[in-house]
Amino acid sequence: MADSKAKKDDDQPAVAAGTAAKPPRKSLGIRLAAAGDSDQPVVANYTQLNVAPGMAFIDFGFLEPAMMNALPRVAKAGGKLPESIAGRLAVRVAVGYDTLAGLHQQLGRVLAGLDAGRRK
């Protein structure tokens, strides 16, 4: 009968008094319906984050790859670098802080998975 103190009737591990057991993480399937051309991928090779009260604005842009590849060569040769670079804004996404935190967690998991795959 010593085992009955360590486990509840439903065979779940007992929780020490004063500590709360973390519920298991559950996922919820979500489907997003396309609106207009929103299901078409947008190519971006540059991002910029701007924060405002209650919101974060994530700009995804595109910079010409040939120009980006030329910049290190110009710098090594001692040439004059441009004061600014013109790119194209592909899309601006405005999100709340809670969504930004969720995005941070998702990106962290993706990067950790990529890193683990690279180490194999």
PDB file of N, CA and C in Angstrom:
ATOM      1  N   MET A   1       0.799  -1.208   0.000  1.00  0.00           N
ATOM      2  CA  MET A   1       0.000   0.000   0.000  1.00  0.00           C
ATOM      3  C   MET A   1       0.837   1.266   0.000  1.00  0.00           C
ATOM      4  N   ALA A   2       2.151   1.151   0.134  1.00  0.00           N
ATOM      5  CA  ALA A   2       3.016   2.327   0.096  1.00  0.00           C
ATOM      6  C   ALA A   2       2.899   3.018  -1.245  1.00  0.00           C
ATOM      7  N   ASP A   3       2.597   2.266  -2.300  1.00  0.00           N
ATOM      8  CA  ASP A   3       2.483   2.831  -3.639  1.00  0.00           C
ATOM      9  C   ASP A   3       1.271   3.745  -3.746  1.00  0.00           C
ATOM     10  N   SER A   4       0.241   3.554  -2.962  1.00  0.00           N
ATOM     11  CA  SER A   4      -0.958   4.371  -3.060  1.00  0.00           C
ATOM     12  C   SER A   4      -0.700   5.814  -2.644  1.00  0.00           C
ATOM     13  N   LYS A   5       0.309   6.067  -1.827  1.00  0.00           N
ATOM     14  CA  LYS A   5       0.627   7.441  -1.455  1.00  0.00           C
ATOM     15  C   LYS A   5       1.344   8.165  -2.580  1.00  0.00           C
ATOM     16  N   ALA A   6       2.088   7.428  -3.401  1.00  0.00           N
ATOM     17  CA  ALA A   6       2.861   8.054  -4.461  1.00  0.00           C
ATOM     18  C   ALA A   6       2.044   8.294  -5.717  1.00  0.00           C
ATOM     19  N   LYS A   7       0.948   7.575  -5.873  1.00  0.00           N
ATOM     20  CA  LYS A   7       0.150   7.733  -7.083  1.00  0.00           C
ATOM     21  C   LYS A   7      -1.300   7.953  -6.718  1.00  0.00           C
ATOM     22  N   LYS A   8      -1.989   8.695  -7.591  1.00  0.00           N
ATOM     23  CA  LYS A   8      -3.420   8.896  -7.424  1.00  0.00           C
ATOM     24  C   LYS A   8      -4.161   7.672  -7.952  1.00  0.00           C
ATOM     25  N   ASP A   9      -5.458   7.647  -7.759  1.00  0.00           N
ATOM     26  CA  ASP A   9      -6.264   6.513  -8.193  1.00  0.00           C
ATOM     27  C   ASP A   9      -6.208   6.301  -9.701  1.00  0.00           C
ATOM     28  N   ASP A  10      -6.040   7.365 -10.492  1.00  0.00           N
ATOM     29  CA  ASP A  10      -6.033   7.232 -11.942  1.00  0.00           C
ATOM     30  C   ASP A  10      -4.635   7.001 -12.498  1.00  0.00           C
ATOM     31  N   ASP A  11      -3.683   6.555 -11.655  1.00  0.00           N
ATOM     32  CA  ASP A  11      -2.313   6.236 -12.025  1.00  0.00           C
ATOM     33  C   ASP A  11      -1.530   7.432 -12.547  1.00  0.00           C
ATOM     34  N   GLN A  12      -1.918   8.634 -12.211  1.00  0.00           N
ATOM     35  CA  GLN A  12      -1.154   9.824 -12.542  1.00  0.00           C
ATOM     36  C   GLN A  12      -0.165  10.087 -11.418  1.00  0.00           C
ATOM     37  N   PRO A  13       1.059  10.567 -11.724  1.00  0.00           N
ATOM     38  CA  PRO A  13       2.022  10.854 -10.676  1.00  0.00           C
ATOM     39  C   PRO A  13       1.466  11.885  -9.700  1.00  0.00           C
ATOM     40  N   ALA A  14       1.768  11.696  -8.425  1.00  0.00           N
ATOM     41  CA  ALA A  14       1.314  12.640  -7.406  1.00  0.00           C
ATOM     42  C   ALA A  14       2.117  13.919  -7.505  1.00  0.00           C
ATOM     43  N   VAL A  15       1.495  15.038  -7.157  1.00  0.00           N
ATOM     44  CA  VAL A  15       2.135  16.337  -7.194  1.00  0.00           C
ATOM     45  C   VAL A  15       2.347  16.796  -5.766  1.00  0.00           C
ATOM     46  N   ALA A  16       3.563  17.265  -5.470  1.00  0.00           N
ATOM     47  CA  ALA A  16       3.853  17.726  -4.113  1.00  0.00           C
ATOM     48  C   ALA A  16       2.962  18.915  -3.783  1.00  0.00           C
ATOM     49  N   ALA A  17       2.602  19.022  -2.512  1.00  0.00           N
ATOM     50  CA  ALA A  17       1.745  20.120  -2.070  1.00  0.00           C
ATOM     51  C   ALA A  17       2.427  21.454  -2.348  1.00  0.00           C
ATOM     52  N   GLY A  18       1.693  22.401  -2.889  1.00  0.00           N
ATOM     53  CA  GLY A  18       2.213  23.740  -3.142  1.00  0.00           C
ATOM     54  C   GLY A  18       2.825  23.902  -4.527  1.00  0.00           C
ATOM     55  N   THR A  19       2.934  22.824  -5.309  1.00  0.00           N
ATOM     56  CA  THR A  19       3.460  22.951  -6.662  1.00  0.00           C
ATOM     57  C   THR A  19       2.370  22.557  -7.638  1.00  0.00           C
ATOM     58  N   ALA A  20       2.304  23.247  -8.719  1.00  0.00           N
ATOM     59  CA  ALA A  20       1.300  22.962  -9.735  1.00  0.00           C
ATOM     60  C   ALA A  20       1.956  22.186 -10.869  1.00  0.00           C
ATOM     61  N   ALA A  21       1.329  21.127 -11.289  1.00  0.00           N
ATOM     62  CA  ALA A  21       1.845  20.350 -12.410  1.00  0.00           C
ATOM     63  C   ALA A  21       1.549  21.103 -13.690  1.00  0.00           C
ATOM     64  N   LYS A  22       2.525  21.145 -14.595  1.00  0.00           N
ATOM     65  CA  LYS A  22       2.307  21.789 -15.883  1.00  0.00           C
ATOM     66  C   LYS A  22       1.454  20.873 -16.739  1.00  0.00           C
ATOM     67  N   PRO A  23       0.383  21.401 -17.306  1.00  0.00           N
ATOM     68  CA  PRO A  23      -0.425  20.557 -18.176  1.00  0.00           C
ATOM     69  C   PRO A  23       0.373  20.232 -19.439  1.00  0.00           C
ATOM     70  N   PRO A  24       0.120  19.084 -20.046  1.00  0.00           N
ATOM     71  CA  PRO A  24       0.843  18.753 -21.264  1.00  0.00           C
ATOM     72  C   PRO A  24       0.515  19.752 -22.362  1.00  0.00           C
ATOM     73  N   ARG A  25       1.506  20.061 -23.170  1.00  0.00           N
ATOM     74  CA  ARG A  25       1.319  21.012 -24.260  1.00  0.00           C
ATOM     75  C   ARG A  25       0.471  20.366 -25.344  1.00  0.00           C
ATOM     76  N   LYS A  26      -0.551  21.057 -25.761  1.00  0.00           N
ATOM     77  CA  LYS A  26      -1.435  20.561 -26.804  1.00  0.00           C
ATOM     78  C   LYS A  26      -1.385  21.518 -27.979  1.00  0.00           C
ATOM     79  N   SER A  27      -1.508  20.958 -29.160  1.00  0.00           N
ATOM     80  CA  SER A  27      -1.540  21.806 -30.342  1.00  0.00           C
ATOM     81  C   SER A  27      -2.949  21.803 -30.919  1.00  0.00           C
ATOM     82  N   LEU A  28      -3.254  22.856 -31.600  1.00  0.00           N
ATOM     83  CA  LEU A  28      -4.570  23.022 -32.201  1.00  0.00           C
ATOM     84  C   LEU A  28      -4.369  23.226 -33.691  1.00  0.00           C
ATOM     85  N   GLY A  29      -5.024  22.425 -34.498  1.00  0.00           N
ATOM     86  CA  GLY A  29      -4.911  22.568 -35.943  1.00  0.00           C
ATOM     87  C   GLY A  29      -5.631  23.828 -36.408  1.00  0.00           C
ATOM     88  N   ILE A  30      -4.934  24.665 -37.138  1.00  0.00           N
ATOM     89  CA  ILE A  30      -5.519  25.907 -37.647  1.00  0.00           C
ATOM     90  C   ILE A  30      -5.330  25.942 -39.151  1.00  0.00           C
ATOM     91  N   ARG A  31      -6.383  26.267 -39.859  1.00  0.00           N
ATOM     92  CA  ARG A  31      -6.322  26.423 -41.314  1.00  0.00           C
ATOM     93  C   ARG A  31      -6.561  27.883 -41.647  1.00  0.00           C
ATOM     94  N   LEU A  32      -5.707  28.430 -42.465  1.00  0.00           N
ATOM     95  CA  LEU A  32      -5.866  29.807 -42.918  1.00  0.00           C
ATOM     96  C   LEU A  32      -6.311  29.792 -44.374  1.00  0.00           C
ATOM     97  N   ALA A  33      -7.414  30.455 -44.665  1.00  0.00           N
ATOM     98  CA  ALA A  33      -7.919  30.540 -46.029  1.00  0.00           C
ATOM     99  C   ALA A  33      -7.246  31.705 -46.745  1.00  0.00           C
ATOM    100  N   ALA A  34      -6.848  31.475 -47.971  1.00  0.00           N
ATOM    101  CA  ALA A  34      -6.193  32.515 -48.766  1.00  0.00           C
ATOM    102  C   ALA A  34      -7.182  33.606 -49.136  1.00  0.00           C
ATOM    103  N   ALA A  35      -6.694  34.822 -49.154  1.00  0.00           N
ATOM    104  CA  ALA A  35      -7.490  35.968 -49.600  1.00  0.00           C
ATOM    105  C   ALA A  35      -6.714  36.640 -50.724  1.00  0.00           C
ATOM    106  N   GLY A  36      -7.291  36.662 -51.907  1.00  0.00           N
ATOM    107  CA  GLY A  36      -6.586  37.246 -53.050  1.00  0.00           C
ATOM    108  C   GLY A  36      -5.366  36.407 -53.396  1.00  0.00           C
ATOM    109  N   ASP A  37      -4.214  37.064 -53.478  1.00  0.00           N
ATOM    110  CA  ASP A  37      -2.959  36.375 -53.805  1.00  0.00           C
ATOM    111  C   ASP A  37      -2.145  36.061 -52.558  1.00  0.00           C
ATOM    112  N   SER A  38      -2.769  36.040 -51.390  1.00  0.00           N
ATOM    113  CA  SER A  38      -2.027  35.865 -50.149  1.00  0.00           C
ATOM    114  C   SER A  38      -1.375  34.494 -50.016  1.00  0.00           C
ATOM    115  N   ASP A  39      -1.802  33.521 -50.820  1.00  0.00           N
ATOM    116  CA  ASP A  39      -1.190  32.200 -50.747  1.00  0.00           C
ATOM    117  C   ASP A  39       0.055  32.079 -51.618  1.00  0.00           C
ATOM    118  N   GLN A  40       0.390  33.126 -52.343  1.00  0.00           N
ATOM    119  CA  GLN A  40       1.590  33.126 -53.179  1.00  0.00           C
ATOM    120  C   GLN A  40       2.799  33.529 -52.336  1.00  0.00           C
ATOM    121  N   PRO A  41       3.893  32.765 -52.429  1.00  0.00           N
ATOM    122  CA  PRO A  41       5.071  33.121 -51.631  1.00  0.00           C
ATOM    123  C   PRO A  41       5.672  34.448 -52.073  1.00  0.00           C
ATOM    124  N   VAL A  42       6.223  35.155 -51.110  1.00  0.00           N
ATOM    125  CA  VAL A  42       6.890  36.422 -51.365  1.00  0.00           C
ATOM    126  C   VAL A  42       8.373  36.215 -51.056  1.00  0.00           C
ATOM    127  N   VAL A  43       9.227  36.538 -52.003  1.00  0.00           N
ATOM    128  CA  VAL A  43      10.657  36.356 -51.802  1.00  0.00           C
ATOM    129  C   VAL A  43      11.208  37.570 -51.060  1.00  0.00           C
ATOM    130  N   ALA A  44      11.917  37.297 -49.977  1.00  0.00           N
ATOM    131  CA  ALA A  44      12.538  38.358 -49.195  1.00  0.00           C
ATOM    132  C   ALA A  44      13.922  37.888 -48.763  1.00  0.00           C
ATOM    133  N   ASN A  45      14.895  38.789 -48.836  1.00  0.00           N
ATOM    134  CA  ASN A  45      16.237  38.472 -48.361  1.00  0.00           C
ATOM    135  C   ASN A  45      16.715  39.504 -47.336  1.00  0.00           C
ATOM    136  N   TYR A  46      15.777  40.305 -46.836  1.00  0.00           N
ATOM    137  CA  TYR A  46      16.096  41.333 -45.848  1.00  0.00           C
ATOM    138  C   TYR A  46      14.882  41.517 -44.937  1.00  0.00           C
ATOM    139  N   THR A  47      15.133  41.646 -43.648  1.00  0.00           N
ATOM    140  CA  THR A  47      14.053  41.937 -42.710  1.00  0.00           C
ATOM    141  C   THR A  47      14.443  43.095 -41.814  1.00  0.00           C
ATOM    142  N   GLN A  48      13.445  43.809 -41.354  1.00  0.00           N
ATOM    143  CA  GLN A  48      13.645  44.914 -40.418  1.00  0.00           C
ATOM    144  C   GLN A  48      12.470  44.929 -39.455  1.00  0.00           C
ATOM    145  N   LEU A  49      12.769  45.115 -38.184  1.00  0.00           N
ATOM    146  CA  LEU A  49      11.739  45.101 -37.154  1.00  0.00           C
ATOM    147  C   LEU A  49      11.632  46.484 -36.535  1.00  0.00           C
ATOM    148  N   ASN A  50      10.427  47.018 -36.474  1.00  0.00           N
ATOM    149  CA  ASN A  50      10.154  48.303 -35.827  1.00  0.00           C
ATOM    150  C   ASN A  50       9.081  48.081 -34.777  1.00  0.00           C
ATOM    151  N   VAL A  51       9.294  48.639 -33.605  1.00  0.00           N
ATOM    152  CA  VAL A  51       8.355  48.440 -32.501  1.00  0.00           C
ATOM    153  C   VAL A  51       7.641  49.752 -32.205  1.00  0.00           C
ATOM    154  N   ALA A  52       6.349  49.647 -32.010  1.00  0.00           N
ATOM    155  CA  ALA A  52       5.505  50.785 -31.624  1.00  0.00           C
ATOM    156  C   ALA A  52       4.707  50.334 -30.401  1.00  0.00           C
ATOM    157  N   PRO A  53       4.084  51.260 -29.703  1.00  0.00           N
ATOM    158  CA  PRO A  53       3.290  50.852 -28.528  1.00  0.00           C
ATOM    159  C   PRO A  53       2.232  49.811 -28.886  1.00  0.00           C
ATOM    160  N   GLY A  54       2.378  48.627 -28.312  1.00  0.00           N
ATOM    161  CA  GLY A  54       1.401  47.567 -28.517  1.00  0.00           C
ATOM    162  C   GLY A  54       1.553  46.762 -29.786  1.00  0.00           C
ATOM    163  N   MET A  55       2.442  47.168 -30.688  1.00  0.00           N
ATOM    164  CA  MET A  55       2.572  46.487 -31.975  1.00  0.00           C
ATOM    165  C   MET A  55       4.038  46.389 -32.381  1.00  0.00           C
ATOM    166  N   ALA A  56       4.320  45.422 -33.206  1.00  0.00           N
ATOM    167  CA  ALA A  56       5.623  45.316 -33.859  1.00  0.00           C
ATOM    168  C   ALA A  56       5.360  45.221 -35.354  1.00  0.00           C
ATOM    169  N   PHE A  57       6.130  45.948 -36.128  1.00  0.00           N
ATOM    170  CA  PHE A  57       6.008  45.943 -37.581  1.00  0.00           C
ATOM    171  C   PHE A  57       7.224  45.216 -38.139  1.00  0.00           C
ATOM    172  N   ILE A  58       6.969  44.147 -38.873  1.00  0.00           N
ATOM    173  CA  ILE A  58       8.043  43.374 -39.476  1.00  0.00           C
ATOM    174  C   ILE A  58       8.009  43.650 -40.973  1.00  0.00           C
ATOM    175  N   ASP A  59       9.073  44.270 -41.475  1.00  0.00           N
ATOM    176  CA  ASP A  59       9.195  44.551 -42.905  1.00  0.00           C
ATOM    177  C   ASP A  59      10.041  43.471 -43.549  1.00  0.00           C
ATOM    178  N   PHE A  60       9.509  42.868 -44.605  1.00  0.00           N
ATOM    179  CA  PHE A  60      10.247  41.911 -45.404  1.00  0.00           C
ATOM    180  C   PHE A  60      10.541  42.599 -46.728  1.00  0.00           C
ATOM    181  N   GLY A  61      11.813  42.656 -47.080  1.00  0.00           N
ATOM    182  CA  GLY A  61      12.188  43.351 -48.297  1.00  0.00           C
ATOM    183  C   GLY A  61      13.082  42.510 -49.180  1.00  0.00           C
ATOM    184  N   PHE A  62      13.348  43.048 -50.343  1.00  0.00           N
ATOM    185  CA  PHE A  62      14.214  42.365 -51.302  1.00  0.00           C
ATOM    186  C   PHE A  62      15.280  43.338 -51.774  1.00  0.00           C
ATOM    187  N   LEU A  63      16.529  42.930 -51.583  1.00  0.00           N
ATOM    188  CA  LEU A  63      17.678  43.684 -52.064  1.00  0.00           C
ATOM    189  C   LEU A  63      18.304  42.902 -53.212  1.00  0.00           C
ATOM    190  N   GLU A  64      18.695  43.600 -54.259  1.00  0.00           N
ATOM    191  CA  GLU A  64      19.254  42.955 -55.437  1.00  0.00           C
ATOM    192  C   GLU A  64      20.490  42.134 -55.055  1.00  0.00           C
ATOM    193  N   PRO A  65      20.471  40.803 -55.283  1.00  0.00           N
ATOM    194  CA  PRO A  65      21.597  39.963 -54.882  1.00  0.00           C
ATOM    195  C   PRO A  65      22.930  40.359 -55.525  1.00  0.00           C
ATOM    196  N   ALA A  66      22.917  40.758 -56.791  1.00  0.00           N
ATOM    197  CA  ALA A  66      24.166  41.136 -57.455  1.00  0.00           C
ATOM    198  C   ALA A  66      24.803  42.338 -56.762  1.00  0.00           C
ATOM    199  N   MET A  67      23.979  43.286 -56.352  1.00  0.00           N
ATOM    200  CA  MET A  67      24.498  44.461 -55.659  1.00  0.00           C
ATOM    201  C   MET A  67      25.039  44.066 -54.285  1.00  0.00           C
ATOM    202  N   MET A  68      24.329  43.176 -53.584  1.00  0.00           N
ATOM    203  CA  MET A  68      24.781  42.726 -52.269  1.00  0.00           C
ATOM    204  C   MET A  68      26.108  41.970 -52.368  1.00  0.00           C
ATOM    205  N   ASN A  69      26.278  41.192 -53.427  1.00  0.00           N
ATOM    206  CA  ASN A  69      27.533  40.466 -53.631  1.00  0.00           C
ATOM    207  C   ASN A  69      28.681  41.397 -53.997  1.00  0.00           C
ATOM    208  N   ALA A  70      28.373  42.520 -54.637  1.00  0.00           N
ATOM    209  CA  ALA A  70      29.419  43.464 -55.046  1.00  0.00           C
ATOM    210  C   ALA A  70      29.933  44.295 -53.874  1.00  0.00           C
ATOM    211  N   LEU A  71      29.130  44.518 -52.849  1.00  0.00           N
ATOM    212  CA  LEU A  71      29.539  45.374 -51.730  1.00  0.00           C
ATOM    213  C   LEU A  71      30.818  44.909 -51.038  1.00  0.00           C
ATOM    214  N   PRO A  72      30.982  43.631 -50.697  1.00  0.00           N
ATOM    215  CA  PRO A  72      32.239  43.220 -50.061  1.00  0.00           C
ATOM    216  C   PRO A  72      33.460  43.433 -50.959  1.00  0.00           C
ATOM    217  N   ARG A  73      33.295  43.218 -52.269  1.00  0.00           N
ATOM    218  CA  ARG A  73      34.426  43.432 -53.198  1.00  0.00           C
ATOM    219  C   ARG A  73      34.821  44.897 -53.242  1.00  0.00           C
ATOM    220  N   VAL A  74      33.847  45.781 -53.266  1.00  0.00           N
ATOM    221  CA  VAL A  74      34.122  47.218 -53.284  1.00  0.00           C
ATOM    222  C   VAL A  74      34.810  47.629 -51.985  1.00  0.00           C
ATOM    223  N   ALA A  75      34.332  47.113 -50.864  1.00  0.00           N
ATOM    224  CA  ALA A  75      34.922  47.449 -49.568  1.00  0.00           C
ATOM    225  C   ALA A  75      36.363  46.948 -49.478  1.00  0.00           C
ATOM    226  N   LYS A  76      36.646  45.726 -49.957  1.00  0.00           N
ATOM    227  CA  LYS A  76      38.009  45.185 -49.922  1.00  0.00           C
ATOM    228  C   LYS A  76      38.953  45.982 -50.808  1.00  0.00           C
ATOM    229  N   ALA A  77      38.436  46.463 -51.916  1.00  0.00           N
ATOM    230  CA  ALA A  77      39.256  47.230 -52.851  1.00  0.00           C
ATOM    231  C   ALA A  77      39.438  48.672 -52.386  1.00  0.00           C
ATOM    232  N   GLY A  78      38.786  49.049 -51.285  1.00  0.00           N
ATOM    233  CA  GLY A  78      38.903  50.411 -50.776  1.00  0.00           C
ATOM    234  C   GLY A  78      38.025  51.404 -51.504  1.00  0.00           C
ATOM    235  N   GLY A  79      37.072  50.902 -52.256  1.00  0.00           N
ATOM    236  CA  GLY A  79      36.164  51.781 -52.983  1.00  0.00           C
ATOM    237  C   GLY A  79      35.141  52.413 -52.063  1.00  0.00           C
ATOM    238  N   LYS A  80      34.453  53.394 -52.624  1.00  0.00           N
ATOM    239  CA  LYS A  80      33.442  54.096 -51.835  1.00  0.00           C
ATOM    240  C   LYS A  80      32.152  53.294 -51.809  1.00  0.00           C
ATOM    241  N   LEU A  81      31.668  53.040 -50.604  1.00  0.00           N
ATOM    242  CA  LEU A  81      30.402  52.342 -50.437  1.00  0.00           C
ATOM    243  C   LEU A  81      29.243  53.332 -50.515  1.00  0.00           C
ATOM    244  N   PRO A  82      28.116  52.885 -51.005  1.00  0.00           N
ATOM    245  CA  PRO A  82      26.967  53.793 -51.087  1.00  0.00           C
ATOM    246  C   PRO A  82      26.491  54.185 -49.692  1.00  0.00           C
ATOM    247  N   GLU A  83      25.938  55.395 -49.579  1.00  0.00           N
ATOM    248  CA  GLU A  83      25.391  55.848 -48.290  1.00  0.00           C
ATOM    249  C   GLU A  83      24.120  55.103 -47.930  1.00  0.00           C
ATOM    250  N   SER A  84      23.362  54.712 -48.922  1.00  0.00           N
ATOM    251  CA  SER A  84      22.137  53.939 -48.684  1.00  0.00           C
ATOM    252  C   SER A  84      21.944  52.970 -49.842  1.00  0.00           C
ATOM    253  N   ILE A  85      21.124  51.987 -49.591  1.00  0.00           N
ATOM    254  CA  ILE A  85      20.826  50.969 -50.599  1.00  0.00           C
ATOM    255  C   ILE A  85      19.323  50.956 -50.806  1.00  0.00           C
ATOM    256  N   ALA A  86      18.909  51.018 -52.047  1.00  0.00           N
ATOM    257  CA  ALA A  86      17.480  50.985 -52.363  1.00  0.00           C
ATOM    258  C   ALA A  86      17.046  49.543 -52.549  1.00  0.00           C
ATOM    259  N   GLY A  87      16.014  49.179 -51.852  1.00  0.00           N
ATOM    260  CA  GLY A  87      15.437  47.848 -51.981  1.00  0.00           C
ATOM    261  C   GLY A  87      13.952  47.972 -52.216  1.00  0.00           C
ATOM    262  N   ARG A  88      13.298  46.853 -52.280  1.00  0.00           N
ATOM    263  CA  ARG A  88      11.853  46.833 -52.516  1.00  0.00           C
ATOM    264  C   ARG A  88      11.167  46.214 -51.304  1.00  0.00           C
ATOM    265  N   LEU A  89      10.202  46.910 -50.747  1.00  0.00           N
ATOM    266  CA  LEU A  89       9.413  46.373 -49.646  1.00  0.00           C
ATOM    267  C   LEU A  89       8.484  45.305 -50.218  1.00  0.00           C
ATOM    268  N   ALA A  90       8.662  44.069 -49.764  1.00  0.00           N
ATOM    269  CA  ALA A  90       7.830  42.976 -50.254  1.00  0.00           C
ATOM    270  C   ALA A  90       6.515  42.926 -49.492  1.00  0.00           C
ATOM    271  N   VAL A  91       6.604  43.033 -48.152  1.00  0.00           N
ATOM    272  CA  VAL A  91       5.396  43.001 -47.336  1.00  0.00           C
ATOM    273  C   VAL A  91       5.724  43.552 -45.953  1.00  0.00           C
ATOM    274  N   ARG A  92       4.776  44.209 -45.342  1.00  0.00           N
ATOM    275  CA  ARG A  92       4.884  44.681 -43.955  1.00  0.00           C
ATOM    276  C   ARG A  92       3.801  43.979 -43.160  1.00  0.00           C
ATOM    277  N   VAL A  93       4.216  43.365 -42.057  1.00  0.00           N
ATOM    278  CA  VAL A  93       3.289  42.631 -41.203  1.00  0.00           C
ATOM    279  C   VAL A  93       3.263  43.311 -39.842  1.00  0.00           C
ATOM    280  N   ALA A  94       2.080  43.652 -39.365  1.00  0.00           N
ATOM    281  CA  ALA A  94       1.913  44.241 -38.040  1.00  0.00           C
ATOM    282  C   ALA A  94       1.364  43.159 -37.115  1.00  0.00           C
ATOM    283  N   VAL A  95       2.040  42.951 -35.985  1.00  0.00           N
ATOM    284  CA  VAL A  95       1.617  41.929 -35.031  1.00  0.00           C
ATOM    285  C   VAL A  95       1.658  42.492 -33.621  1.00  0.00           C
ATOM    286  N   GLY A  96       0.829  41.930 -32.761  1.00  0.00           N
ATOM    287  CA  GLY A  96       0.867  42.279 -31.348  1.00  0.00           C
ATOM    288  C   GLY A  96       2.051  41.594 -30.683  1.00  0.00           C
ATOM    289  N   TYR A  97       2.359  42.011 -29.472  1.00  0.00           N
ATOM    290  CA  TYR A  97       3.498  41.452 -28.748  1.00  0.00           C
ATOM    291  C   TYR A  97       3.323  39.956 -28.494  1.00  0.00           C
ATOM    292  N   ASP A  98       2.088  39.508 -28.241  1.00  0.00           N
ATOM    293  CA  ASP A  98       1.869  38.087 -27.995  1.00  0.00           C
ATOM    294  C   ASP A  98       2.155  37.260 -29.243  1.00  0.00           C
ATOM    295  N   THR A  99       1.776  37.773 -30.402  1.00  0.00           N
ATOM    296  CA  THR A  99       2.065  37.086 -31.656  1.00  0.00           C
ATOM    297  C   THR A  99       3.558  37.107 -31.938  1.00  0.00           C
ATOM    298  N   LEU A 100       4.205  38.221 -31.621  1.00  0.00           N
ATOM    299  CA  LEU A 100       5.651  38.319 -31.798  1.00  0.00           C
ATOM    300  C   LEU A 100       6.374  37.293 -30.920  1.00  0.00           C
ATOM    301  N   ALA A 101       5.901  37.111 -29.693  1.00  0.00           N
ATOM    302  CA  ALA A 101       6.493  36.115 -28.791  1.00  0.00           C
ATOM    303  C   ALA A 101       6.288  34.703 -29.341  1.00  0.00           C
ATOM    304  N   GLY A 102       5.114  34.427 -29.888  1.00  0.00           N
ATOM    305  CA  GLY A 102       4.861  33.121 -30.510  1.00  0.00           C
ATOM    306  C   GLY A 102       5.755  32.890 -31.709  1.00  0.00           C
ATOM    307  N   LEU A 103       5.958  33.924 -32.517  1.00  0.00           N
ATOM    308  CA  LEU A 103       6.852  33.828 -33.669  1.00  0.00           C
ATOM    309  C   LEU A 103       8.275  33.548 -33.214  1.00  0.00           C
ATOM    310  N   HIS A 104       8.689  34.205 -32.141  1.00  0.00           N
ATOM    311  CA  HIS A 104      10.025  33.991 -31.588  1.00  0.00           C
ATOM    312  C   HIS A 104      10.203  32.526 -31.184  1.00  0.00           C
ATOM    313  N   GLN A 105       9.203  31.944 -30.522  1.00  0.00           N
ATOM    314  CA  GLN A 105       9.279  30.538 -30.117  1.00  0.00           C
ATOM    315  C   GLN A 105       9.332  29.616 -31.327  1.00  0.00           C
ATOM    316  N   GLN A 106       8.514  29.893 -32.329  1.00  0.00           N
ATOM    317  CA  GLN A 106       8.507  29.047 -33.522  1.00  0.00           C
ATOM    318  C   GLN A 106       9.838  29.122 -34.253  1.00  0.00           C
ATOM    319  N   LEU A 107      10.378  30.327 -34.411  1.00  0.00           N
ATOM    320  CA  LEU A 107      11.672  30.478 -35.077  1.00  0.00           C
ATOM    321  C   LEU A 107      12.777  29.774 -34.301  1.00  0.00           C
ATOM    322  N   GLY A 108      12.721  29.862 -32.979  1.00  0.00           N
ATOM    323  CA  GLY A 108      13.717  29.178 -32.155  1.00  0.00           C
ATOM    324  C   GLY A 108      13.683  27.673 -32.367  1.00  0.00           C
ATOM    325  N   ARG A 109      12.476  27.103 -32.427  1.00  0.00           N
ATOM    326  CA  ARG A 109      12.364  25.663 -32.662  1.00  0.00           C
ATOM    327  C   ARG A 109      12.859  25.281 -34.053  1.00  0.00           C
ATOM    328  N   VAL A 110      12.540  26.095 -35.054  1.00  0.00           N
ATOM    329  CA  VAL A 110      12.991  25.798 -36.416  1.00  0.00           C
ATOM    330  C   VAL A 110      14.511  25.864 -36.489  1.00  0.00           C
ATOM    331  N   LEU A 111      15.105  26.907 -35.924  1.00  0.00           N
ATOM    332  CA  LEU A 111      16.562  27.049 -35.966  1.00  0.00           C
ATOM    333  C   LEU A 111      17.255  25.942 -35.187  1.00  0.00           C
ATOM    334  N   ALA A 112      16.694  25.529 -34.061  1.00  0.00           N
ATOM    335  CA  ALA A 112      17.265  24.435 -33.293  1.00  0.00           C
ATOM    336  C   ALA A 112      17.210  23.142 -34.097  1.00  0.00           C
ATOM    337  N   GLY A 113      16.110  22.917 -34.792  1.00  0.00           N
ATOM    338  CA  GLY A 113      15.980  21.729 -35.650  1.00  0.00           C
ATOM    339  C   GLY A 113      16.960  21.754 -36.799  1.00  0.00           C
ATOM    340  N   LEU A 114      17.149  22.921 -37.403  1.00  0.00           N
ATOM    341  CA  LEU A 114      18.119  23.037 -38.495  1.00  0.00           C
ATOM    342  C   LEU A 114      19.534  22.785 -37.999  1.00  0.00           C
ATOM    343  N   ASP A 115      19.826  23.306 -36.818  1.00  0.00           N
ATOM    344  CA  ASP A 115      21.151  23.119 -36.239  1.00  0.00           C
ATOM    345  C   ASP A 115      21.397  21.654 -35.903  1.00  0.00           C
ATOM    346  N   ALA A 116      20.386  20.989 -35.360  1.00  0.00           N
ATOM    347  CA  ALA A 116      20.514  19.566 -35.030  1.00  0.00           C
ATOM    348  C   ALA A 116      20.702  18.742 -36.288  1.00  0.00           C
ATOM    349  N   GLY A 117      20.004  19.081 -37.363  1.00  0.00           N
ATOM    350  CA  GLY A 117      20.134  18.375 -38.627  1.00  0.00           C
ATOM    351  C   GLY A 117      21.492  18.565 -39.255  1.00  0.00           C
ATOM    352  N   ARG A 118      22.059  19.725 -39.066  1.00  0.00           N
ATOM    353  CA  ARG A 118      23.374  20.028 -39.625  1.00  0.00           C
ATOM    354  C   ARG A 118      24.472  19.261 -38.885  1.00  0.00           C
ATOM    355  N   ARG A 119      24.272  19.011 -37.598  1.00  0.00           N
ATOM    356  CA  ARG A 119      25.288  18.336 -36.776  1.00  0.00           C
ATOM    357  C   ARG A 119      25.314  16.831 -36.986  1.00  0.00           C
ATOM    358  N   LYS A 120      24.286  16.276 -37.631  1.00  0.00           N
ATOM    359  CA  LYS A 120      24.243  14.820 -37.845  1.00  0.00           C
ATOM    360  C   LYS A 120      25.247  14.389 -38.867  1.00  0.00           C
TER     361      LYS A 120
END
